[in-house]
Amino acid sequence: MSFRYVQELPATVLTALRQGCVLPAHPLVLDNSRQLDRTRQRAVTRYYADAGAGGLAIGVHTTQFAIREVGLYEPVLALAAQTMRDWGGAEKLLIAGVTGNTAQAVAETETARGLGYHAVLLNLARLRGSSEDDILEHCRRVATEMPVIGFALLPAVGGFHLSYDFWLRFAQLDNVVAIKMAPFDRYRTIDIVRAVYDAGAQDRITLYTGNDDHIGLDLVVPFVVRSADGKSEQRARIRGGLLGHWSVWVRPAVAMLDRIHALPDGADVPEDILALDSIVTDCNGAIYDAHNNLKGCIPGCLEVLRRQGLLEGTWCLDPDEVLSPGQAAAIDRVHTQYPEMNDDSFVTANLERWLSERGKDRPLVA
């Protein structure tokens, strides 16, 4: 298998991917009739670009998988790609989520490629119960179409765990460019890190966190990977995050990652950076509804954007998908306790710019 699609990526895009960046998992924005609100959907994309995100991922869990059932997959992807290119520039990384059986995943990959996306994120939930050999063949088939990003997804939101051996073989596929690790499990996270290094793929595959319960330390702490005989070791690093949590309060997330990237390897880590791990996790617990098994995770993200004025409501395609009891109060608490984690003033200052048809005529207020 060749690197033909990797080589065709713009150099700035490939550099951003390798260095690591903030990649929001883009939500779906609906109006009160549960129809696509194109103006506010576009405004959220513009917000991400101006907040400093390195790109976006769309067609993923935060976008609501049901977009496929209501004919919104291609329109939503098209709007996001065009908006990000127009607003953020050609260097922004565009990732499309693909799911379903192999035929569906390949068809979605072809759609994404036609819209100018750079890579696809593989959601394997529909393959639950299949053998790891069959799952690997599915991944290999998609990888013949476009660069792929692996996705270790926790069972609470439809995923399932895969073995170290699977990830070792997956890392050996030439067109894998990154892996999003979201098992919410330190043992399995370490398995994936080891697999990438044991496959000798660390210079080709960039590690991204999706572990919402451990974002800060995932980005700060090196992972030790030793040779089979224990006589040599390498220090693996997770370089960025592809997170539904980062669909909100993006500007502080970018600032946090920039501070972490500025630390030289081996340098002492300031205590306030280490302390961000528990702060971010506490915020995530409220927004992502951790104490209710993540049932309100999508409405929680929408609620934060609604409070900032980017959205008019928290409507989901499923009318029963709403904030959990007590979740609004939990969001109130973390918003009050950790004011440094929100970017309300930035959003307020630029909201009209993002909502306007002629928004680029308005200067960005930093």
Protein backbone atom coordinates (compact mmCIF):
# COMPACT_ATOMS: atom_id res chain seq x y z
CA MET A 1 0.00 0.00 0.00
CA SER A 2 1.44 3.37 -0.98
CA PHE A 3 1.50 6.76 0.70
CA ARG A 4 -0.13 8.41 -2.29
CA TYR A 5 -2.78 10.31 -0.31
CA VAL A 6 -0.44 11.21 2.55
CA GLN A 7 2.00 12.70 0.04
CA GLU A 8 -0.76 14.72 -1.57
CA LEU A 9 -1.71 16.43 1.69
CA PRO A 10 -0.65 20.08 1.77
CA ALA A 11 2.59 20.40 3.68
CA THR A 12 1.03 22.78 6.20
CA VAL A 13 -1.78 20.33 6.92
CA LEU A 14 0.60 17.42 7.42
CA THR A 15 2.81 19.56 9.66
CA ALA A 16 -0.16 20.59 11.81
CA LEU A 17 -1.24 16.96 12.16
CA ARG A 18 2.26 15.84 13.15
CA GLN A 19 2.90 18.67 15.59
CA GLY A 20 -0.46 18.13 17.25
CA CYS A 21 -3.37 20.52 17.44
CA VAL A 22 -6.79 21.16 18.90
CA LEU A 23 -9.39 19.37 16.77
CA PRO A 24 -12.98 20.02 17.90
CA ALA A 25 -15.53 17.30 17.19
CA HIS A 26 -18.05 19.55 15.47
CA PRO A 27 -21.66 19.43 16.71
CA LEU A 28 -24.79 19.55 14.58
CA VAL A 29 -26.74 22.80 14.92
CA LEU A 30 -30.52 22.58 14.47
CA ASP A 31 -33.32 25.12 14.66
CA ASN A 32 -36.48 24.67 16.71
CA SER A 33 -37.99 22.61 13.88
CA ARG A 34 -35.01 20.24 14.10
CA GLN A 35 -33.79 21.32 10.69
CA LEU A 36 -30.21 22.27 9.90
CA ASP A 37 -29.52 25.87 10.94
CA ARG A 38 -26.97 26.71 8.26
CA THR A 39 -26.20 30.18 9.61
CA ARG A 40 -25.37 29.00 13.12
CA GLN A 41 -23.71 25.80 11.91
CA ARG A 42 -21.40 28.00 9.86
CA ALA A 43 -20.90 30.37 12.81
CA VAL A 44 -19.63 27.53 15.00
CA THR A 45 -17.10 26.54 12.34
CA ARG A 46 -15.94 30.15 12.07
CA TYR A 47 -15.57 30.27 15.85
CA TYR A 48 -13.30 27.23 15.78
CA ALA A 49 -11.12 28.77 13.08
CA ASP A 50 -10.77 32.11 14.86
CA ALA A 51 -10.18 30.44 18.24
CA GLY A 52 -7.08 28.77 16.83
CA ALA A 53 -8.23 25.18 16.30
CA GLY A 54 -6.01 23.28 13.91
CA GLY A 55 -9.03 21.98 12.03
CA LEU A 56 -12.16 20.02 12.80
CA ALA A 57 -13.72 16.58 12.77
CA ILE A 58 -17.31 16.26 11.58
CA GLY A 59 -19.68 13.41 10.88
CA VAL A 60 -18.56 12.01 14.24
CA HIS A 61 -20.43 11.19 17.46
CA THR A 62 -20.81 14.86 18.47
CA THR A 63 -22.34 15.60 15.05
CA GLN A 64 -24.97 12.90 15.78
CA PHE A 65 -24.74 9.68 13.80
CA ALA A 66 -28.39 10.06 12.77
CA ILE A 67 -27.40 12.71 10.22
CA ARG A 68 -26.96 9.77 7.87
CA GLU A 69 -30.56 8.67 8.29
CA VAL A 70 -31.99 12.10 7.52
CA GLY A 71 -29.86 12.94 4.50
CA LEU A 72 -27.59 15.45 6.24
CA TYR A 73 -24.23 13.69 6.03
CA GLU A 74 -23.04 15.27 2.79
CA PRO A 75 -24.66 18.71 3.33
CA VAL A 76 -23.14 19.06 6.81
CA LEU A 77 -19.70 17.93 5.65
CA ALA A 78 -19.85 20.24 2.63
CA LEU A 79 -20.81 23.27 4.73
CA ALA A 80 -18.06 22.64 7.28
CA ALA A 81 -15.35 22.11 4.65
CA GLN A 82 -16.24 25.19 2.65
CA THR A 83 -16.58 27.38 5.72
CA MET A 84 -13.29 26.25 7.24
CA ARG A 85 -11.44 26.76 3.97
CA ASP A 86 -12.95 30.21 3.44
CA TRP A 87 -12.51 31.33 7.03
CA GLY A 88 -9.50 29.48 8.40
CA GLY A 89 -7.42 28.89 5.30
CA ALA A 90 -6.22 25.87 3.39
CA GLU A 91 -3.90 24.77 6.20
CA LYS A 92 -6.77 23.72 8.49
CA LEU A 93 -7.11 19.95 8.87
CA LEU A 94 -10.44 18.50 7.73
CA ILE A 95 -11.42 15.10 9.15
CA ALA A 96 -14.63 13.25 8.31
CA GLY A 97 -16.10 10.54 10.50
CA VAL A 98 -17.05 7.36 8.65
CA THR A 99 -19.06 4.49 10.08
CA GLY A 100 -21.15 1.49 9.16
CA ASN A 101 -20.20 -1.69 7.34
CA THR A 102 -17.40 -1.64 4.80
CA ALA A 103 -19.59 -0.62 1.88
CA GLN A 104 -21.06 2.31 3.83
CA ALA A 105 -17.69 3.39 5.21
CA VAL A 106 -16.13 3.34 1.74
CA ALA A 107 -19.05 5.32 0.30
CA GLU A 108 -18.72 7.92 3.07
CA THR A 109 -14.97 8.06 2.47
CA GLU A 110 -15.56 8.75 -1.20
CA THR A 111 -17.95 11.55 -0.24
CA ALA A 112 -15.39 13.05 2.12
CA ARG A 113 -12.61 12.83 -0.47
CA GLY A 114 -14.81 14.55 -3.03
CA LEU A 115 -15.44 17.40 -0.60
CA GLY A 116 -11.73 17.96 -0.01
CA TYR A 117 -11.31 16.28 3.37
CA HIS A 118 -7.80 15.21 4.31
CA ALA A 119 -8.46 12.09 6.40
CA VAL A 120 -11.27 9.95 7.77
CA LEU A 121 -11.83 8.89 11.37
CA LEU A 122 -12.86 5.23 11.57
CA ASN A 123 -15.79 4.52 13.85
CA LEU A 124 -16.00 0.74 14.15
CA ALA A 125 -19.09 0.49 16.36
CA ARG A 126 -21.14 -1.30 13.70
CA LEU A 127 -18.51 -4.05 13.58
CA ARG A 128 -18.99 -5.07 17.20
CA GLY A 129 -18.92 -8.86 17.37
CA SER A 130 -16.78 -9.23 14.23
CA SER A 131 -13.39 -10.89 14.42
CA GLU A 132 -10.33 -8.66 14.69
CA ASP A 133 -9.16 -10.05 11.34
CA ASP A 134 -12.39 -8.86 9.70
CA ILE A 135 -12.18 -5.48 11.41
CA LEU A 136 -8.61 -5.05 10.22
CA GLU A 137 -9.65 -5.90 6.66
CA HIS A 138 -12.39 -3.26 6.92
CA CYS A 139 -9.77 -0.69 7.97
CA ARG A 140 -7.42 -1.77 5.21
CA ARG A 141 -10.13 -1.33 2.60
CA VAL A 142 -10.98 2.20 3.74
CA ALA A 143 -7.27 3.06 3.86
CA THR A 144 -6.96 2.33 0.14
CA GLU A 145 -9.22 5.35 -0.45
CA MET A 146 -7.86 7.99 1.96
CA PRO A 147 -5.56 8.46 4.93
CA VAL A 148 -7.24 7.07 8.02
CA ILE A 149 -7.25 7.90 11.71
CA GLY A 150 -7.86 5.00 14.04
CA PHE A 151 -10.34 5.38 16.87
CA ALA A 152 -10.33 3.46 20.15
CA LEU A 153 -13.83 4.18 21.41
CA LEU A 154 -15.09 3.35 24.89
CA PRO A 155 -18.09 1.01 25.18
CA ALA A 156 -20.24 3.63 27.00
CA VAL A 157 -20.88 5.43 23.70
CA GLY A 158 -21.07 2.42 21.42
CA GLY A 159 -17.47 1.35 21.03
CA PHE A 160 -15.65 -1.78 22.08
CA HIS A 161 -12.12 -2.65 23.12
CA LEU A 162 -9.58 -4.11 20.71
CA SER A 163 -6.42 -5.97 21.62
CA TYR A 164 -2.79 -4.88 21.53
CA ASP A 165 -2.30 -7.31 18.64
CA PHE A 166 -5.01 -5.57 16.61
CA TRP A 167 -3.46 -2.15 17.16
CA LEU A 168 -0.02 -3.50 16.26
CA ARG A 169 -1.34 -4.77 12.93
CA PHE A 170 -3.42 -1.64 12.40
CA ALA A 171 -0.32 0.54 12.89
CA GLN A 172 1.39 -1.41 10.12
CA LEU A 173 -1.16 -0.19 7.54
CA ASP A 174 0.67 2.40 5.45
CA ASN A 175 -2.13 4.93 5.16
CA VAL A 176 -2.78 5.29 8.90
CA VAL A 177 -1.74 8.81 9.86
CA ALA A 178 -3.01 9.12 13.44
CA ILE A 179 -4.91 7.32 16.19
CA LYS A 180 -7.46 8.92 18.51
CA MET A 181 -7.29 7.08 21.81
CA ALA A 182 -10.53 7.23 23.75
CA PRO A 183 -10.87 3.99 25.71
CA PHE A 184 -11.06 5.92 29.02
CA ASP A 185 -8.75 3.19 30.27
CA ARG A 186 -5.05 3.72 31.06
CA TYR A 187 -4.14 0.10 30.42
CA ARG A 188 -5.64 0.12 26.94
CA THR A 189 -4.21 3.56 26.17
CA ILE A 190 -0.74 2.22 26.96
CA ASP A 191 -1.44 -0.82 24.74
CA ILE A 192 -2.05 1.48 21.76
CA VAL A 193 1.02 3.60 22.43
CA ARG A 194 3.16 0.46 22.67
CA ALA A 195 1.64 -0.97 19.49
CA VAL A 196 2.49 2.11 17.43
CA TYR A 197 6.09 2.11 18.62
CA ASP A 198 6.50 -1.65 18.39
CA ALA A 199 5.29 -1.41 14.78
CA GLY A 200 8.00 1.21 14.12
CA ALA A 201 5.26 3.60 12.99
CA GLN A 202 5.85 6.46 15.44
CA ASP A 203 7.16 8.81 12.75
CA ARG A 204 4.07 8.24 10.60
CA ILE A 205 1.28 7.89 13.17
CA THR A 206 0.55 10.80 15.49
CA LEU A 207 -1.16 10.04 18.78
CA TYR A 208 -4.22 12.11 19.77
CA THR A 209 -6.15 11.93 23.01
CA GLY A 210 -9.87 11.39 23.18
CA ASN A 211 -9.70 10.41 26.85
CA ASP A 212 -12.02 13.07 28.25
CA ASP A 213 -11.24 12.00 31.81
CA HIS A 214 -7.48 12.53 31.40
CA ILE A 215 -6.92 15.22 28.76
CA GLY A 216 -4.33 17.29 30.60
CA LEU A 217 -1.98 14.53 31.67
CA ASP A 218 -2.35 12.68 28.36
CA LEU A 219 -0.80 15.75 26.74
CA VAL A 220 1.86 16.35 29.39
CA VAL A 221 3.16 12.98 30.54
CA PRO A 222 5.53 10.95 28.35
CA PHE A 223 4.82 7.25 27.87
CA VAL A 224 7.80 4.91 28.28
CA VAL A 225 8.11 2.29 25.54
CA ARG A 226 10.93 -0.22 26.07
CA SER A 227 12.41 -2.77 23.73
CA ALA A 228 11.54 -6.43 24.20
CA ASP A 229 14.82 -7.04 26.02
CA GLY A 230 14.34 -3.97 28.20
CA LYS A 231 17.71 -2.51 27.21
CA SER A 232 16.49 0.55 25.29
CA GLU A 233 13.54 2.85 25.55
CA GLN A 234 11.75 5.67 23.79
CA ARG A 235 9.50 8.37 25.18
CA ALA A 236 6.17 8.55 23.38
CA ARG A 237 4.06 11.69 23.43
CA ILE A 238 0.41 12.38 22.70
CA ARG A 239 0.56 15.50 20.54
CA GLY A 240 -3.00 16.79 20.34
CA GLY A 241 -6.64 16.11 21.01
CA LEU A 242 -9.65 15.27 18.89
CA LEU A 243 -12.42 15.80 21.38
CA GLY A 244 -16.11 16.49 21.71
CA HIS A 245 -15.12 18.33 24.89
CA TRP A 246 -13.10 20.71 22.69
CA SER A 247 -16.21 21.64 20.71
CA VAL A 248 -16.67 24.26 23.45
CA TRP A 249 -14.35 26.72 25.22
CA VAL A 250 -11.90 26.26 22.37
CA ARG A 251 -9.69 29.30 22.89
CA PRO A 252 -8.51 28.21 26.38
CA ALA A 253 -7.94 24.69 25.01
CA VAL A 254 -5.66 26.12 22.32
CA ALA A 255 -3.81 28.18 24.92
CA MET A 256 -3.33 25.11 27.13
CA LEU A 257 -1.96 23.01 24.28
CA ASP A 258 0.34 25.84 23.19
CA ARG A 259 1.78 26.05 26.71
CA ILE A 260 2.36 22.31 26.77
CA HIS A 261 4.01 22.31 23.35
CA ALA A 262 6.31 25.13 24.47
CA LEU A 263 7.81 22.94 27.20
CA PRO A 264 11.11 21.35 26.09
CA ASP A 265 11.31 17.58 26.38
CA GLY A 266 12.59 16.69 29.82
CA ALA A 267 11.78 20.08 31.34
CA ASP A 268 10.08 20.41 34.68
CA VAL A 269 6.35 20.87 34.20
CA PRO A 270 4.92 23.85 36.08
CA GLU A 271 2.49 22.86 38.79
CA ASP A 272 -0.31 24.99 37.34
CA ILE A 273 -0.14 23.03 34.08
CA LEU A 274 -0.33 19.76 35.99
CA ALA A 275 -3.28 21.12 37.95
CA LEU A 276 -5.17 21.72 34.71
CA ASP A 277 -5.74 17.97 34.41
CA SER A 278 -8.21 17.84 37.29
CA ILE A 279 -9.77 21.18 36.32
CA VAL A 280 -10.40 20.10 32.74
CA THR A 281 -11.69 16.73 33.91
CA ASP A 282 -14.11 18.39 36.35
CA CYS A 283 -15.41 20.66 33.59
CA ASN A 284 -15.75 17.71 31.29
CA GLY A 285 -17.64 15.76 33.93
CA ALA A 286 -20.35 18.42 33.89
CA ILE A 287 -20.46 19.15 30.17
CA TYR A 288 -20.20 15.50 29.15
CA ASP A 289 -22.55 14.26 31.87
CA ALA A 290 -20.08 11.73 33.24
CA HIS A 291 -22.16 10.81 36.27
CA ASN A 292 -25.06 9.79 34.03
CA ASN A 293 -22.94 7.52 31.81
CA LEU A 294 -22.48 10.34 29.24
CA LYS A 295 -26.17 10.37 28.30
CA GLY A 296 -26.22 14.16 28.09
CA CYS A 297 -22.86 14.64 26.42
CA ILE A 298 -24.14 16.10 23.14
CA PRO A 299 -26.82 18.33 24.72
CA GLY A 300 -24.19 19.43 27.24
CA CYS A 301 -21.90 20.73 24.51
CA LEU A 302 -24.83 22.38 22.77
CA GLU A 303 -25.89 24.01 26.04
CA VAL A 304 -22.51 25.66 26.51
CA LEU A 305 -22.62 27.04 22.96
CA ARG A 306 -26.23 28.18 23.53
CA ARG A 307 -25.27 30.09 26.66
CA GLN A 308 -22.59 31.87 24.67
CA GLY A 309 -25.11 32.88 22.01
CA LEU A 310 -23.75 30.75 19.19
CA LEU A 311 -26.85 28.53 19.28
CA GLU A 312 -30.51 29.29 19.90
CA GLY A 313 -31.27 25.92 21.49
CA THR A 314 -29.97 22.45 22.28
CA TRP A 315 -32.20 20.57 19.85
CA CYS A 316 -31.02 17.13 18.73
CA LEU A 317 -32.41 14.93 15.97
CA ASP A 318 -33.74 12.63 18.69
CA PRO A 319 -36.26 14.68 20.73
CA ASP A 320 -35.46 12.53 23.77
CA GLU A 321 -31.77 13.49 23.71
CA VAL A 322 -31.74 16.30 26.27
CA LEU A 323 -29.77 17.50 29.27
CA SER A 324 -29.86 15.08 32.18
CA PRO A 325 -31.49 16.11 35.47
CA GLY A 326 -29.00 18.26 37.33
CA GLN A 327 -26.68 18.71 34.35
CA ALA A 328 -27.46 22.41 33.85
CA ALA A 329 -26.61 23.06 37.49
CA ALA A 330 -23.38 21.11 37.11
CA ILE A 331 -22.42 23.29 34.13
CA ASP A 332 -23.27 26.37 36.22
CA ARG A 333 -20.91 25.14 38.93
CA VAL A 334 -17.84 24.55 36.74
CA HIS A 335 -18.46 27.78 34.85
CA THR A 336 -18.37 29.70 38.13
CA GLN A 337 -15.52 27.78 39.74
CA TYR A 338 -13.19 27.77 36.72
CA PRO A 339 -13.74 31.05 34.86
CA GLU A 340 -10.34 30.73 33.19
CA MET A 341 -11.62 27.71 31.25
CA ASN A 342 -14.32 29.54 29.28
CA ASP A 343 -13.98 31.97 26.38
CA ASP A 344 -17.27 33.82 26.85
CA SER A 345 -15.79 37.29 26.32
CA PHE A 346 -14.07 36.20 23.09
CA VAL A 347 -17.32 34.75 21.76
CA THR A 348 -19.35 37.80 22.78
CA ALA A 349 -16.90 40.15 21.05
CA ASN A 350 -16.96 38.21 17.78
CA LEU A 351 -20.44 36.69 17.65
CA GLU A 352 -21.83 39.11 15.08
CA ARG A 353 -18.78 38.54 12.91
CA TRP A 354 -19.48 34.81 12.83
CA LEU A 355 -23.23 35.14 12.29
CA SER A 356 -23.08 37.79 9.57
CA GLU A 357 -23.15 37.04 5.85
CA ARG A 358 -20.35 39.59 5.50
CA GLY A 359 -18.59 38.56 8.68
CA LYS A 360 -15.07 38.79 7.31
CA ASP A 361 -15.58 42.52 6.86
CA ARG A 362 -15.61 42.79 10.65
CA PRO A 363 -12.23 42.67 12.43
CA LEU A 364 -11.49 39.79 14.77
CA VAL A 365 -11.42 40.90 18.41
CA ALA A 366 -8.71 38.90 20.15
